[in-house]
Amino acid sequence: MNAPLGRLGDPNRAFWLTRSVARTVGVNLSDAMHEGTLTAADYAAMVTRCRMCSDPEGCELWLAMNGAGADFAPDDCLNADVINSLIA
């Protein structure tokens, strides 16, 4: 028997939210892949985790309030550990 999948959010929205949170803390995910500190599979997993988030509106609010920059990704971000580990 297979476990039911939870609802996944819009992949385009998740892609841009993931990139935006990373950019807000000074991380360029494309550069991280080019440098080898992030694999394409890791990046895809980040977008998938973002799609599983139950509060993308909260992320958008965080981005609106922190658009000028933040030290770390928000604690409730499902990708916070990965993004924070890439901060130079």
PDB file of N, CA and C in Angstrom:
ATOM      1  N   MET A   1       0.839  -1.183   0.000  1.00  0.00           N
ATOM      2  CA  MET A   1       0.000   0.000   0.000  1.00  0.00           C
ATOM      3  C   MET A   1       0.882   1.243   0.000  1.00  0.00           C
ATOM      4  N   ASN A   2       0.551   2.194  -0.811  1.00  0.00           N
ATOM      5  CA  ASN A   2       1.327   3.428  -0.891  1.00  0.00           C
ATOM      6  C   ASN A   2       0.752   4.476   0.039  1.00  0.00           C
ATOM      7  N   ALA A   3       1.636   5.246   0.659  1.00  0.00           N
ATOM      8  CA  ALA A   3       1.192   6.355   1.505  1.00  0.00           C
ATOM      9  C   ALA A   3       0.657   7.459   0.602  1.00  0.00           C
ATOM     10  N   PRO A   4      -0.423   8.114   1.003  1.00  0.00           N
ATOM     11  CA  PRO A   4      -0.965   9.192   0.166  1.00  0.00           C
ATOM     12  C   PRO A   4      -0.013  10.380   0.136  1.00  0.00           C
ATOM     13  N   LEU A   5       0.084  10.986  -1.020  1.00  0.00           N
ATOM     14  CA  LEU A   5       0.904  12.187  -1.156  1.00  0.00           C
ATOM     15  C   LEU A   5       0.109  13.388  -0.684  1.00  0.00           C
ATOM     16  N   GLY A   6       0.793  14.272   0.001  1.00  0.00           N
ATOM     17  CA  GLY A   6       0.161  15.534   0.360  1.00  0.00           C
ATOM     18  C   GLY A   6       0.073  16.420  -0.869  1.00  0.00           C
ATOM     19  N   ARG A   7      -0.705  17.443  -0.782  1.00  0.00           N
ATOM     20  CA  ARG A   7      -0.859  18.367  -1.890  1.00  0.00           C
ATOM     21  C   ARG A   7       0.439  19.134  -2.089  1.00  0.00           C
ATOM     22  N   LEU A   8       0.889  19.186  -3.315  1.00  0.00           N
ATOM     23  CA  LEU A   8       2.074  19.970  -3.646  1.00  0.00           C
ATOM     24  C   LEU A   8       1.627  21.287  -4.259  1.00  0.00           C
ATOM     25  N   GLY A   9       2.268  22.363  -3.848  1.00  0.00           N
ATOM     26  CA  GLY A   9       1.955  23.675  -4.378  1.00  0.00           C
ATOM     27  C   GLY A   9       2.503  23.872  -5.779  1.00  0.00           C
ATOM     28  N   ASP A  10       2.221  25.014  -6.318  1.00  0.00           N
ATOM     29  CA  ASP A  10       2.623  25.378  -7.666  1.00  0.00           C
ATOM     30  C   ASP A  10       4.140  25.342  -7.815  1.00  0.00           C
ATOM     31  N   PRO A  11       4.670  24.601  -8.787  1.00  0.00           N
ATOM     32  CA  PRO A  11       6.125  24.507  -8.931  1.00  0.00           C
ATOM     33  C   PRO A  11       6.782  25.835  -9.308  1.00  0.00           C
ATOM     34  N   ASN A  12       6.120  26.645 -10.118  1.00  0.00           N
ATOM     35  CA  ASN A  12       6.703  27.941 -10.488  1.00  0.00           C
ATOM     36  C   ASN A  12       6.812  28.856  -9.272  1.00  0.00           C
ATOM     37  N   ARG A  13       5.773  28.881  -8.478  1.00  0.00           N
ATOM     38  CA  ARG A  13       5.794  29.705  -7.262  1.00  0.00           C
ATOM     39  C   ARG A  13       6.897  29.231  -6.325  1.00  0.00           C
ATOM     40  N   ALA A  14       7.004  27.914  -6.151  1.00  0.00           N
ATOM     41  CA  ALA A  14       8.024  27.361  -5.258  1.00  0.00           C
ATOM     42  C   ALA A  14       9.428  27.660  -5.769  1.00  0.00           C
ATOM     43  N   PHE A  15       9.623  27.568  -7.079  1.00  0.00           N
ATOM     44  CA  PHE A  15      10.917  27.883  -7.667  1.00  0.00           C
ATOM     45  C   PHE A  15      11.315  29.317  -7.321  1.00  0.00           C
ATOM     46  N   TRP A  16      10.415  30.262  -7.560  1.00  0.00           N
ATOM     47  CA  TRP A  16      10.740  31.672  -7.322  1.00  0.00           C
ATOM     48  C   TRP A  16      10.846  31.996  -5.833  1.00  0.00           C
ATOM     49  N   LEU A  17      10.034  31.373  -4.995  1.00  0.00           N
ATOM     50  CA  LEU A  17      10.158  31.613  -3.548  1.00  0.00           C
ATOM     51  C   LEU A  17      11.504  31.092  -3.048  1.00  0.00           C
ATOM     52  N   THR A  18      11.901  29.912  -3.506  1.00  0.00           N
ATOM     53  CA  THR A  18      13.186  29.338  -3.089  1.00  0.00           C
ATOM     54  C   THR A  18      14.336  30.256  -3.495  1.00  0.00           C
ATOM     55  N   ARG A  19      14.340  30.679  -4.745  1.00  0.00           N
ATOM     56  CA  ARG A  19      15.399  31.581  -5.222  1.00  0.00           C
ATOM     57  C   ARG A  19      15.375  32.910  -4.480  1.00  0.00           C
ATOM     58  N   SER A  20      14.181  33.421  -4.213  1.00  0.00           N
ATOM     59  CA  SER A  20      14.055  34.732  -3.570  1.00  0.00           C
ATOM     60  C   SER A  20      14.532  34.700  -2.129  1.00  0.00           C
ATOM     61  N   VAL A  21      14.178  33.667  -1.387  1.00  0.00           N
ATOM     62  CA  VAL A  21      14.651  33.567  -0.004  1.00  0.00           C
ATOM     63  C   VAL A  21      16.176  33.469  -0.004  1.00  0.00           C
ATOM     64  N   ALA A  22      16.719  32.639  -0.880  1.00  0.00           N
ATOM     65  CA  ALA A  22      18.176  32.504  -0.957  1.00  0.00           C
ATOM     66  C   ALA A  22      18.818  33.847  -1.297  1.00  0.00           C
ATOM     67  N   ARG A  23      18.295  34.523  -2.286  1.00  0.00           N
ATOM     68  CA  ARG A  23      18.862  35.812  -2.709  1.00  0.00           C
ATOM     69  C   ARG A  23      18.796  36.840  -1.577  1.00  0.00           C
ATOM     70  N   THR A  24      17.727  36.806  -0.790  1.00  0.00           N
ATOM     71  CA  THR A  24      17.559  37.767   0.304  1.00  0.00           C
ATOM     72  C   THR A  24      18.647  37.618   1.359  1.00  0.00           C
ATOM     73  N   VAL A  25      19.186  36.403   1.510  1.00  0.00           N
ATOM     74  CA  VAL A  25      20.269  36.196   2.483  1.00  0.00           C
ATOM     75  C   VAL A  25      21.635  36.170   1.800  1.00  0.00           C
ATOM     76  N   GLY A  26      21.676  36.570   0.527  1.00  0.00           N
ATOM     77  CA  GLY A  26      22.947  36.697  -0.173  1.00  0.00           C
ATOM     78  C   GLY A  26      23.442  35.437  -0.849  1.00  0.00           C
ATOM     79  N   VAL A  27      22.567  34.479  -1.070  1.00  0.00           N
ATOM     80  CA  VAL A  27      22.963  33.228  -1.710  1.00  0.00           C
ATOM     81  C   VAL A  27      22.421  33.202  -3.138  1.00  0.00           C
ATOM     82  N   ASN A  28      23.299  32.956  -4.095  1.00  0.00           N
ATOM     83  CA  ASN A  28      22.908  32.790  -5.479  1.00  0.00           C
ATOM     84  C   ASN A  28      22.950  31.292  -5.774  1.00  0.00           C
ATOM     85  N   LEU A  29      21.781  30.683  -5.943  1.00  0.00           N
ATOM     86  CA  LEU A  29      21.725  29.239  -6.117  1.00  0.00           C
ATOM     87  C   LEU A  29      22.376  28.785  -7.417  1.00  0.00           C
ATOM     88  N   SER A  30      22.290  29.584  -8.470  1.00  0.00           N
ATOM     89  CA  SER A  30      22.958  29.235  -9.724  1.00  0.00           C
ATOM     90  C   SER A  30      24.468  29.203  -9.531  1.00  0.00           C
ATOM     91  N   ASP A  31      25.007  30.201  -8.817  1.00  0.00           N
ATOM     92  CA  ASP A  31      26.441  30.215  -8.525  1.00  0.00           C
ATOM     93  C   ASP A  31      26.829  29.026  -7.652  1.00  0.00           C
ATOM     94  N   ALA A  32      26.001  28.691  -6.684  1.00  0.00           N
ATOM     95  CA  ALA A  32      26.299  27.554  -5.804  1.00  0.00           C
ATOM     96  C   ALA A  32      26.374  26.256  -6.609  1.00  0.00           C
ATOM     97  N   MET A  33      25.506  26.103  -7.600  1.00  0.00           N
ATOM     98  CA  MET A  33      25.580  24.911  -8.453  1.00  0.00           C
ATOM     99  C   MET A  33      26.836  24.950  -9.313  1.00  0.00           C
ATOM    100  N   HIS A  34      27.140  26.108  -9.864  1.00  0.00           N
ATOM    101  CA  HIS A  34      28.331  26.246 -10.705  1.00  0.00           C
ATOM    102  C   HIS A  34      29.601  25.949  -9.901  1.00  0.00           C
ATOM    103  N   GLU A  35      29.629  26.369  -8.636  1.00  0.00           N
ATOM    104  CA  GLU A  35      30.790  26.154  -7.764  1.00  0.00           C
ATOM    105  C   GLU A  35      30.847  24.732  -7.215  1.00  0.00           C
ATOM    106  N   GLY A  36      29.764  23.982  -7.352  1.00  0.00           N
ATOM    107  CA  GLY A  36      29.736  22.614  -6.853  1.00  0.00           C
ATOM    108  C   GLY A  36      29.310  22.472  -5.409  1.00  0.00           C
ATOM    109  N   THR A  37      28.842  23.547  -4.791  1.00  0.00           N
ATOM    110  CA  THR A  37      28.383  23.455  -3.398  1.00  0.00           C
ATOM    111  C   THR A  37      26.914  23.065  -3.305  1.00  0.00           C
ATOM    112  N   LEU A  38      26.239  23.020  -4.460  1.00  0.00           N
ATOM    113  CA  LEU A  38      24.842  22.604  -4.526  1.00  0.00           C
ATOM    114  C   LEU A  38      24.677  21.811  -5.816  1.00  0.00           C
ATOM    115  N   THR A  39      24.137  20.604  -5.714  1.00  0.00           N
ATOM    116  CA  THR A  39      23.909  19.803  -6.914  1.00  0.00           C
ATOM    117  C   THR A  39      22.545  20.132  -7.501  1.00  0.00           C
ATOM    118  N   ALA A  40      22.364  19.755  -8.748  1.00  0.00           N
ATOM    119  CA  ALA A  40      21.063  19.947  -9.392  1.00  0.00           C
ATOM    120  C   ALA A  40      19.985  19.161  -8.650  1.00  0.00           C
ATOM    121  N   ALA A  41      20.330  17.981  -8.165  1.00  0.00           N
ATOM    122  CA  ALA A  41      19.367  17.173  -7.405  1.00  0.00           C
ATOM    123  C   ALA A  41      19.005  17.853  -6.086  1.00  0.00           C
ATOM    124  N   ASP A  42      19.993  18.461  -5.434  1.00  0.00           N
ATOM    125  CA  ASP A  42      19.720  19.197  -4.195  1.00  0.00           C
ATOM    126  C   ASP A  42      18.795  20.380  -4.464  1.00  0.00           C
ATOM    127  N   TYR A  43      19.043  21.068  -5.561  1.00  0.00           N
ATOM    128  CA  TYR A  43      18.228  22.219  -5.940  1.00  0.00           C
ATOM    129  C   TYR A  43      16.791  21.775  -6.217  1.00  0.00           C
ATOM    130  N   ALA A  44      16.639  20.696  -6.966  1.00  0.00           N
ATOM    131  CA  ALA A  44      15.302  20.174  -7.250  1.00  0.00           C
ATOM    132  C   ALA A  44      14.590  19.771  -5.961  1.00  0.00           C
ATOM    133  N   ALA A  45      15.324  19.183  -5.030  1.00  0.00           N
ATOM    134  CA  ALA A  45      14.741  18.796  -3.744  1.00  0.00           C
ATOM    135  C   ALA A  45      14.296  20.023  -2.952  1.00  0.00           C
ATOM    136  N   MET A  46      15.045  21.113  -3.065  1.00  0.00           N
ATOM    137  CA  MET A  46      14.663  22.350  -2.377  1.00  0.00           C
ATOM    138  C   MET A  46      13.321  22.865  -2.918  1.00  0.00           C
ATOM    139  N   VAL A  47      13.176  22.861  -4.231  1.00  0.00           N
ATOM    140  CA  VAL A  47      11.921  23.338  -4.826  1.00  0.00           C
ATOM    141  C   VAL A  47      10.768  22.419  -4.418  1.00  0.00           C
ATOM    142  N   THR A  48      11.014  21.123  -4.395  1.00  0.00           N
ATOM    143  CA  THR A  48       9.972  20.182  -3.976  1.00  0.00           C
ATOM    144  C   THR A  48       9.585  20.419  -2.517  1.00  0.00           C
ATOM    145  N   ARG A  49      10.581  20.630  -1.643  1.00  0.00           N
ATOM    146  CA  ARG A  49      10.266  20.915  -0.241  1.00  0.00           C
ATOM    147  C   ARG A  49       9.439  22.192  -0.137  1.00  0.00           C
ATOM    148  N   CYS A  50       9.792  23.200  -0.909  1.00  0.00           N
ATOM    149  CA  CYS A  50       9.033  24.449  -0.894  1.00  0.00           C
ATOM    150  C   CYS A  50       7.593  24.189  -1.341  1.00  0.00           C
ATOM    151  N   ARG A  51       7.412  23.325  -2.312  1.00  0.00           N
ATOM    152  CA  ARG A  51       6.067  22.984  -2.777  1.00  0.00           C
ATOM    153  C   ARG A  51       5.251  22.315  -1.681  1.00  0.00           C
ATOM    154  N   MET A  52       5.913  21.687  -0.705  1.00  0.00           N
ATOM    155  CA  MET A  52       5.220  21.021   0.394  1.00  0.00           C
ATOM    156  C   MET A  52       4.857  21.976   1.529  1.00  0.00           C
ATOM    157  N   CYS A  53       5.352  23.188   1.477  1.00  0.00           N
ATOM    158  CA  CYS A  53       5.106  24.157   2.536  1.00  0.00           C
ATOM    159  C   CYS A  53       3.619  24.480   2.627  1.00  0.00           C
ATOM    160  N   SER A  54       3.130  24.559   3.847  1.00  0.00           N
ATOM    161  CA  SER A  54       1.711  24.872   4.060  1.00  0.00           C
ATOM    162  C   SER A  54       1.456  26.373   4.155  1.00  0.00           C
ATOM    163  N   ASP A  55       2.515  27.194   4.096  1.00  0.00           N
ATOM    164  CA  ASP A  55       2.321  28.640   4.261  1.00  0.00           C
ATOM    165  C   ASP A  55       3.166  29.464   3.300  1.00  0.00           C
ATOM    166  N   PRO A  56       2.973  29.303   1.993  1.00  0.00           N
ATOM    167  CA  PRO A  56       3.754  30.119   1.065  1.00  0.00           C
ATOM    168  C   PRO A  56       3.436  31.610   1.196  1.00  0.00           C
ATOM    169  N   GLU A  57       2.244  31.933   1.643  1.00  0.00           N
ATOM    170  CA  GLU A  57       1.901  33.343   1.857  1.00  0.00           C
ATOM    171  C   GLU A  57       2.767  33.946   2.960  1.00  0.00           C
ATOM    172  N   GLY A  58       3.075  33.153   3.984  1.00  0.00           N
ATOM    173  CA  GLY A  58       3.965  33.608   5.047  1.00  0.00           C
ATOM    174  C   GLY A  58       5.356  33.887   4.518  1.00  0.00           C
ATOM    175  N   CYS A  59       5.796  33.084   3.578  1.00  0.00           N
ATOM    176  CA  CYS A  59       7.099  33.300   2.944  1.00  0.00           C
ATOM    177  C   CYS A  59       7.074  34.597   2.146  1.00  0.00           C
ATOM    178  N   GLU A  60       6.003  34.812   1.407  1.00  0.00           N
ATOM    179  CA  GLU A  60       5.893  36.048   0.634  1.00  0.00           C
ATOM    180  C   GLU A  60       5.887  37.271   1.547  1.00  0.00           C
ATOM    181  N   LEU A  61       5.228  37.160   2.697  1.00  0.00           N
ATOM    182  CA  LEU A  61       5.225  38.252   3.672  1.00  0.00           C
ATOM    183  C   LEU A  61       6.636  38.481   4.209  1.00  0.00           C
ATOM    184  N   TRP A  62       7.351  37.396   4.536  1.00  0.00           N
ATOM    185  CA  TRP A  62       8.736  37.517   5.017  1.00  0.00           C
ATOM    186  C   TRP A  62       9.590  38.203   3.972  1.00  0.00           C
ATOM    187  N   LEU A  63       9.421  37.806   2.719  1.00  0.00           N
ATOM    188  CA  LEU A  63      10.191  38.427   1.637  1.00  0.00           C
ATOM    189  C   LEU A  63       9.854  39.915   1.517  1.00  0.00           C
ATOM    190  N   ALA A  64       8.594  40.263   1.652  1.00  0.00           N
ATOM    191  CA  ALA A  64       8.198  41.667   1.572  1.00  0.00           C
ATOM    192  C   ALA A  64       8.830  42.483   2.694  1.00  0.00           C
ATOM    193  N   MET A  65       8.956  41.881   3.861  1.00  0.00           N
ATOM    194  CA  MET A  65       9.506  42.595   5.015  1.00  0.00           C
ATOM    195  C   MET A  65      11.035  42.574   5.032  1.00  0.00           C
ATOM    196  N   ASN A  66      11.650  41.645   4.311  1.00  0.00           N
ATOM    197  CA  ASN A  66      13.100  41.478   4.357  1.00  0.00           C
ATOM    198  C   ASN A  66      13.756  41.618   2.992  1.00  0.00           C
ATOM    199  N   GLY A  67      13.056  42.206   2.049  1.00  0.00           N
ATOM    200  CA  GLY A  67      13.562  42.308   0.691  1.00  0.00           C
ATOM    201  C   GLY A  67      14.905  43.005   0.570  1.00  0.00           C
ATOM    202  N   ALA A  68      15.219  43.887   1.509  1.00  0.00           N
ATOM    203  CA  ALA A  68      16.498  44.596   1.473  1.00  0.00           C
ATOM    204  C   ALA A  68      17.645  43.732   1.983  1.00  0.00           C
ATOM    205  N   GLY A  69      17.315  42.579   2.544  1.00  0.00           N
ATOM    206  CA  GLY A  69      18.351  41.673   3.029  1.00  0.00           C
ATOM    207  C   GLY A  69      18.058  41.151   4.411  1.00  0.00           C
ATOM    208  N   ALA A  70      18.506  39.953   4.661  1.00  0.00           N
ATOM    209  CA  ALA A  70      18.359  39.310   5.967  1.00  0.00           C
ATOM    210  C   ALA A  70      19.614  38.492   6.225  1.00  0.00           C
ATOM    211  N   ASP A  71      19.855  38.202   7.482  1.00  0.00           N
ATOM    212  CA  ASP A  71      21.046  37.425   7.844  1.00  0.00           C
ATOM    213  C   ASP A  71      20.849  35.932   7.611  1.00  0.00           C
ATOM    214  N   PHE A  72      19.623  35.445   7.826  1.00  0.00           N
ATOM    215  CA  PHE A  72      19.324  34.023   7.717  1.00  0.00           C
ATOM    216  C   PHE A  72      17.935  33.819   7.140  1.00  0.00           C
ATOM    217  N   ALA A  73      17.714  32.650   6.559  1.00  0.00           N
ATOM    218  CA  ALA A  73      16.387  32.271   6.089  1.00  0.00           C
ATOM    219  C   ALA A  73      15.462  32.138   7.305  1.00  0.00           C
ATOM    220  N   PRO A  74      14.166  32.327   7.115  1.00  0.00           N
ATOM    221  CA  PRO A  74      13.251  32.219   8.247  1.00  0.00           C
ATOM    222  C   PRO A  74      13.263  30.809   8.842  1.00  0.00           C
ATOM    223  N   ASP A  75      13.130  30.741  10.160  1.00  0.00           N
ATOM    224  CA  ASP A  75      13.195  29.457  10.864  1.00  0.00           C
ATOM    225  C   ASP A  75      12.184  28.436  10.357  1.00  0.00           C
ATOM    226  N   ASP A  76      11.011  28.898   9.948  1.00  0.00           N
ATOM    227  CA  ASP A  76       9.977  27.960   9.527  1.00  0.00           C
ATOM    228  C   ASP A  76      10.089  27.556   8.060  1.00  0.00           C
ATOM    229  N   CYS A  77      11.110  28.044   7.374  1.00  0.00           N
ATOM    230  CA  CYS A  77      11.346  27.672   5.983  1.00  0.00           C
ATOM    231  C   CYS A  77      11.845  26.231   5.926  1.00  0.00           C
ATOM    232  N   LEU A  78      11.237  25.428   5.065  1.00  0.00           N
ATOM    233  CA  LEU A  78      11.647  24.033   4.936  1.00  0.00           C
ATOM    234  C   LEU A  78      13.042  23.889   4.329  1.00  0.00           C
ATOM    235  N   ASN A  79      13.556  24.950   3.745  1.00  0.00           N
ATOM    236  CA  ASN A  79      14.898  24.948   3.156  1.00  0.00           C
ATOM    237  C   ASN A  79      15.900  25.780   3.958  1.00  0.00           C
ATOM    238  N   ALA A  80      15.526  26.211   5.140  1.00  0.00           N
ATOM    239  CA  ALA A  80      16.397  27.090   5.920  1.00  0.00           C
ATOM    240  C   ALA A  80      17.772  26.478   6.157  1.00  0.00           C
ATOM    241  N   ASP A  81      17.825  25.212   6.509  1.00  0.00           N
ATOM    242  CA  ASP A  81      19.127  24.598   6.793  1.00  0.00           C
ATOM    243  C   ASP A  81      20.051  24.620   5.569  1.00  0.00           C
ATOM    244  N   VAL A  82      19.502  24.266   4.417  1.00  0.00           N
ATOM    245  CA  VAL A  82      20.311  24.251   3.203  1.00  0.00           C
ATOM    246  C   VAL A  82      20.731  25.673   2.819  1.00  0.00           C
ATOM    247  N   ILE A  83      19.775  26.578   2.804  1.00  0.00           N
ATOM    248  CA  ILE A  83      20.093  27.958   2.418  1.00  0.00           C
ATOM    249  C   ILE A  83      21.103  28.559   3.381  1.00  0.00           C
ATOM    250  N   ASN A  84      20.866  28.397   4.669  1.00  0.00           N
ATOM    251  CA  ASN A  84      21.800  28.983   5.649  1.00  0.00           C
ATOM    252  C   ASN A  84      23.193  28.374   5.549  1.00  0.00           C
ATOM    253  N   SER A  85      23.272  27.112   5.149  1.00  0.00           N
ATOM    254  CA  SER A  85      24.595  26.473   5.013  1.00  0.00           C
ATOM    255  C   SER A  85      25.371  27.035   3.818  1.00  0.00           C
ATOM    256  N   LEU A  86      24.677  27.679   2.885  1.00  0.00           N
ATOM    257  CA  LEU A  86      25.323  28.231   1.698  1.00  0.00           C
ATOM    258  C   LEU A  86      25.722  29.691   1.867  1.00  0.00           C
ATOM    259  N   ILE A  87      25.362  30.294   2.986  1.00  0.00           N
ATOM    260  CA  ILE A  87      25.721  31.693   3.219  1.00  0.00           C
ATOM    261  C   ILE A  87      27.231  31.778   3.371  1.00  0.00           C
ATOM    262  N   ALA A  88      27.837  32.680   2.604  1.00  0.00           N
ATOM    263  CA  ALA A  88      29.303  32.826   2.630  1.00  0.00           C
ATOM    264  C   ALA A  88      29.798  33.424   3.924  1.00  0.00           C
TER     265      ALA A  88
END
